Structure formats: structure tokens, C-alpha cells
C-alpha atoms as a PDB file:
ATOM      1  CA  MET A   1      -6.076  -4.730  -8.718  1.00  0.00           C
ATOM      2  CA  ASP A   2      -9.960  -5.213  -9.779  1.00  0.00           C
ATOM      3  CA  LYS A   3     -11.333  -2.745  -7.244  1.00  0.00           C
ATOM      4  CA  LYS A   4     -12.029   0.758  -8.331  1.00  0.00           C
ATOM      5  CA  ILE A   5      -9.596   2.717  -6.350  1.00  0.00           C
ATOM      6  CA  PRO A   6      -8.700   6.311  -7.045  1.00  0.00           C
ATOM      7  CA  VAL A   7      -5.200   6.696  -7.771  1.00  0.00           C
ATOM      8  CA  ASN A   8      -5.395  10.565  -6.446  1.00  0.00           C
ATOM      9  CA  THR A   9      -6.521  11.799  -3.315  1.00  0.00           C
ATOM     10  CA  ILE A  10      -9.660  12.756  -2.711  1.00  0.00           C
ATOM     11  CA  THR A  11     -11.720  14.954  -0.113  1.00  0.00           C
ATOM     12  CA  ARG A  12     -13.683  12.917   2.595  1.00  0.00           C
ATOM     13  CA  ASP A  13     -15.741  13.772   5.304  1.00  0.00           C
ATOM     14  CA  ILE A  14     -14.016  13.058   8.596  1.00  0.00           C
ATOM     15  CA  LYS A  15     -17.502  12.333  10.383  1.00  0.00           C
ATOM     16  CA  ASN A  16     -17.996   9.553   8.143  1.00  0.00           C
ATOM     17  CA  LEU A  17     -14.940   8.331   8.289  1.00  0.00           C
ATOM     18  CA  ALA A  18     -14.539   7.888  11.801  1.00  0.00           C
ATOM     19  CA  GLU A  19     -18.368   6.450  11.961  1.00  0.00           C
ATOM     20  CA  PRO A  20     -17.282   2.676  12.763  1.00  0.00           C
ATOM     21  CA  THR A  21     -14.681   3.366  15.506  1.00  0.00           C
ATOM     22  CA  GLY A  22     -16.417   6.454  17.119  1.00  0.00           C
ATOM     23  CA  ASN A  23     -13.066   8.295  16.755  1.00  0.00           C
ATOM     24  CA  ILE A  24     -11.144   9.601  14.146  1.00  0.00           C
ATOM     25  CA  TYR A  25      -7.612   9.221  15.889  1.00  0.00           C
ATOM     26  CA  GLU A  26      -8.693   5.340  16.491  1.00  0.00           C
ATOM     27  CA  THR A  27      -9.699   5.305  12.857  1.00  0.00           C
ATOM     28  CA  VAL A  28      -5.947   7.287  11.587  1.00  0.00           C
ATOM     29  CA  VAL A  29      -4.033   4.589  13.240  1.00  0.00           C
ATOM     30  CA  ILE A  30      -6.180   1.795  11.863  1.00  0.00           C
ATOM     31  CA  LEU A  31      -5.732   2.990   8.303  1.00  0.00           C
ATOM     32  CA  SER A  32      -1.819   3.753   8.915  1.00  0.00           C
ATOM     33  CA  LYS A  33      -1.413  -0.265   9.801  1.00  0.00           C
ATOM     34  CA  ARG A  34      -3.176  -1.152   7.047  1.00  0.00           C
ATOM     35  CA  ALA A  35      -1.320   0.979   4.961  1.00  0.00           C
ATOM     36  CA  ASN A  36       1.884  -0.133   6.341  1.00  0.00           C
ATOM     37  CA  GLN A  37       0.935  -3.970   5.765  1.00  0.00           C
ATOM     38  CA  ILE A  38      -0.038  -3.264   1.956  1.00  0.00           C
ATOM     39  CA  ALA A  39       3.407  -1.252   1.761  1.00  0.00           C
ATOM     40  CA  LEU A  40       5.495  -4.267   3.165  1.00  0.00           C
ATOM     41  CA  ALA A  41       3.407  -6.895   0.782  1.00  0.00           C
ATOM     42  CA  GLU A  42       3.890  -4.763  -2.499  1.00  0.00           C
ATOM     43  CA  LYS A  43       7.711  -4.148  -1.417  1.00  0.00           C
ATOM     44  CA  LYS A  44       8.408  -8.096  -0.943  1.00  0.00           C
ATOM     45  CA  GLU A  45       6.668  -8.499  -4.233  1.00  0.00           C
ATOM     46  CA  LEU A  46       8.476  -6.160  -6.139  1.00  0.00           C
ATOM     47  CA  ASN A  47      11.570  -7.100  -4.549  1.00  0.00           C
ATOM     48  CA  LYS A  48      10.761 -10.887  -5.333  1.00  0.00           C
ATOM     49  CA  LYS A  49      10.562  -9.721  -9.102  1.00  0.00           C
ATOM     50  CA  LEU A  50      13.483  -7.948  -9.295  1.00  0.00           C
ATOM     51  CA  GLU A  51      15.696 -10.275  -7.664  1.00  0.00           C
ATOM     52  CA  ASP A  52      15.782 -12.209 -10.992  1.00  0.00           C
ATOM     53  CA  PHE A  53      17.464  -9.488 -12.889  1.00  0.00           C
ATOM     54  CA  ARG A  54      20.364  -9.256  -9.895  1.00  0.00           C
ATOM     55  CA  GLY A  55      21.997 -12.285 -10.431  1.00  0.00           C
ATOM     56  CA  GLU A  56      22.071 -12.057 -14.333  1.00  0.00           C
ATOM     57  CA  ARG A  57      25.284 -10.104 -14.738  1.00  0.00           C
ATOM     58  CA  ASP A  58      28.145  -8.301 -12.789  1.00  0.00           C
ATOM     59  CA  ALA A  59      27.693  -4.809 -13.001  1.00  0.00           C
ATOM     60  CA  THR A  60      30.219  -2.464 -12.083  1.00  0.00           C
ATOM     61  CA  LYS A  61      29.538   1.264 -10.662  1.00  0.00           C
ATOM     62  CA  GLU A  62      30.232   2.998 -14.330  1.00  0.00           C
ATOM     63  CA  GLU A  63      27.979   0.316 -15.959  1.00  0.00           C
ATOM     64  CA  VAL A  64      24.291   1.323 -17.017  1.00  0.00           C
ATOM     65  CA  PHE A  65      22.426  -1.220 -18.082  1.00  0.00           C
ATOM     66  CA  GLU A  66      18.743  -0.557 -19.164  1.00  0.00           C
ATOM     67  CA  ASN A  67      16.617  -3.662 -18.822  1.00  0.00           C
ATOM     68  CA  LYS A  68      13.160  -3.257 -20.683  1.00  0.00           C
ATOM     69  CA  GLU A  69      11.553  -5.967 -18.647  1.00  0.00           C
ATOM     70  CA  GLN A  70      13.099  -4.032 -15.208  1.00  0.00           C
ATOM     71  CA  ILE A  71      11.546  -0.897 -16.120  1.00  0.00           C
ATOM     72  CA  GLU A  72       8.334  -1.996 -17.282  1.00  0.00           C
ATOM     73  CA  ILE A  73       7.793  -3.620 -13.872  1.00  0.00           C
ATOM     74  CA  SER A  74       8.819  -0.414 -11.990  1.00  0.00           C
ATOM     75  CA  LYS A  75       6.155   1.348 -14.314  1.00  0.00           C
ATOM     76  CA  TYR A  76       3.391  -0.624 -13.185  1.00  0.00           C
ATOM     77  CA  TYR A  77       4.198  -0.373  -9.405  1.00  0.00           C
ATOM     78  CA  GLU A  78       4.363   2.963  -9.938  1.00  0.00           C
ATOM     79  CA  ARG A  79       0.894   3.448 -11.462  1.00  0.00           C
ATOM     80  CA  GLN A  80      -0.555   1.424  -8.569  1.00  0.00           C
ATOM     81  CA  PRO A  81      -2.475   3.415  -6.042  1.00  0.00           C
ATOM     82  CA  LYS A  82      -0.781   4.266  -2.834  1.00  0.00           C
ATOM     83  CA  PRO A  83      -1.275   2.014   0.099  1.00  0.00           C
ATOM     84  CA  ASP A  84      -2.937   4.799   1.845  1.00  0.00           C
ATOM     85  CA  LEU A  85      -5.554   4.971  -0.846  1.00  0.00           C
ATOM     86  CA  VAL A  86      -6.332   1.209  -0.796  1.00  0.00           C
ATOM     87  CA  ALA A  87      -6.367   1.448   3.276  1.00  0.00           C
ATOM     88  CA  ILE A  88      -9.208   4.096   3.400  1.00  0.00           C
ATOM     89  CA  TYR A  89     -11.025   2.118   0.256  1.00  0.00           C
ATOM     90  CA  GLU A  90     -11.215  -1.260   2.273  1.00  0.00           C
ATOM     91  CA  PHE A  91     -11.784   0.548   5.593  1.00  0.00           C
ATOM     92  CA  GLU A  92     -15.036   2.630   3.566  1.00  0.00           C
ATOM     93  CA  ASN A  93     -16.340  -0.736   2.414  1.00  0.00           C
ATOM     94  CA  GLY A  94     -15.754  -2.611   5.590  1.00  0.00           C
ATOM     95  CA  GLU A  95     -13.295  -4.860   4.338  1.00  0.00           C
ATOM     96  CA  ILE A  96     -10.852  -4.573   7.400  1.00  0.00           C
ATOM     97  CA  TYR A  97     -11.313  -6.540  10.474  1.00  0.00           C
ATOM     98  CA  PHE A  98     -10.388  -4.404  13.758  1.00  0.00           C
ATOM     99  CA  ARG A  99     -10.887  -4.608  17.515  1.00  0.00           C
ATOM    100  CA  THR A 100     -10.215  -2.321  20.510  1.00  0.00           C
ATOM    101  CA  ALA A 101      -8.701  -3.672  23.318  1.00  0.00           C
ATOM    102  CA  LYS A 102     -10.741  -3.947  26.578  1.00  0.00           C
ATOM    103  CA  SER A 103      -9.241  -3.024  29.851  1.00  0.00           C
ATOM    104  CA  GLU A 104     -10.055  -4.648  33.167  1.00  0.00           C
ATOM    105  CA  GLU A 105     -10.958  -2.824  36.064  1.00  0.00           C
END
């Protein structure tokens, strides 16, 4: 990722985080939905990359085979920022589109 997203949790002011929606609970829902989207996308990408290694050999439960490429792929994804941190970064920079449903009276 070319964005400068912190890999550790940092303290944020809740009032500033809730400004775009006017409600901290709406903000939390938006962030959690976006974090879930990011996590699913990363999981699909990782599974696609690891799928190549599954068909290469028939392994029994007793066999232990360490594939260096597979380990490097796993380490790469472990070093990536967590989906919730990415979602907060995107939200703070106005990169997330959200809308609220209007109630009809």
C-alpha cells in the first residue's frame, strides 16, 4: 500500500472522528462495515495466492513441508496494517462514501 497508514493503534479524539456523521455510533458502524470489506478482500487475495500451493502435492497429516514462498506470502500479509486501521485512515481522509437512509413520514 502506498498510503502512510500506521500499523499500531493510535489515540484519536472521538469528537473529531464523529464530526462527519454527527454521531459516534454511526461512525463506528461505517468503520466496521468498511473494515469487514477490507478484511474480506485481503482474505480472498491471500487464498488466491495460497491456492497455487495446495494442488502441488498430496500431503498427509504427518508430513510437514515448509515452502519458503508460502511463508514469505504469509509474512507479507502479517505486516500489512489491520483492516480497522485502514478503515479509520480512509474515513479521516474522506475516502469512504456513506449515506444515511431518510425516513418517510
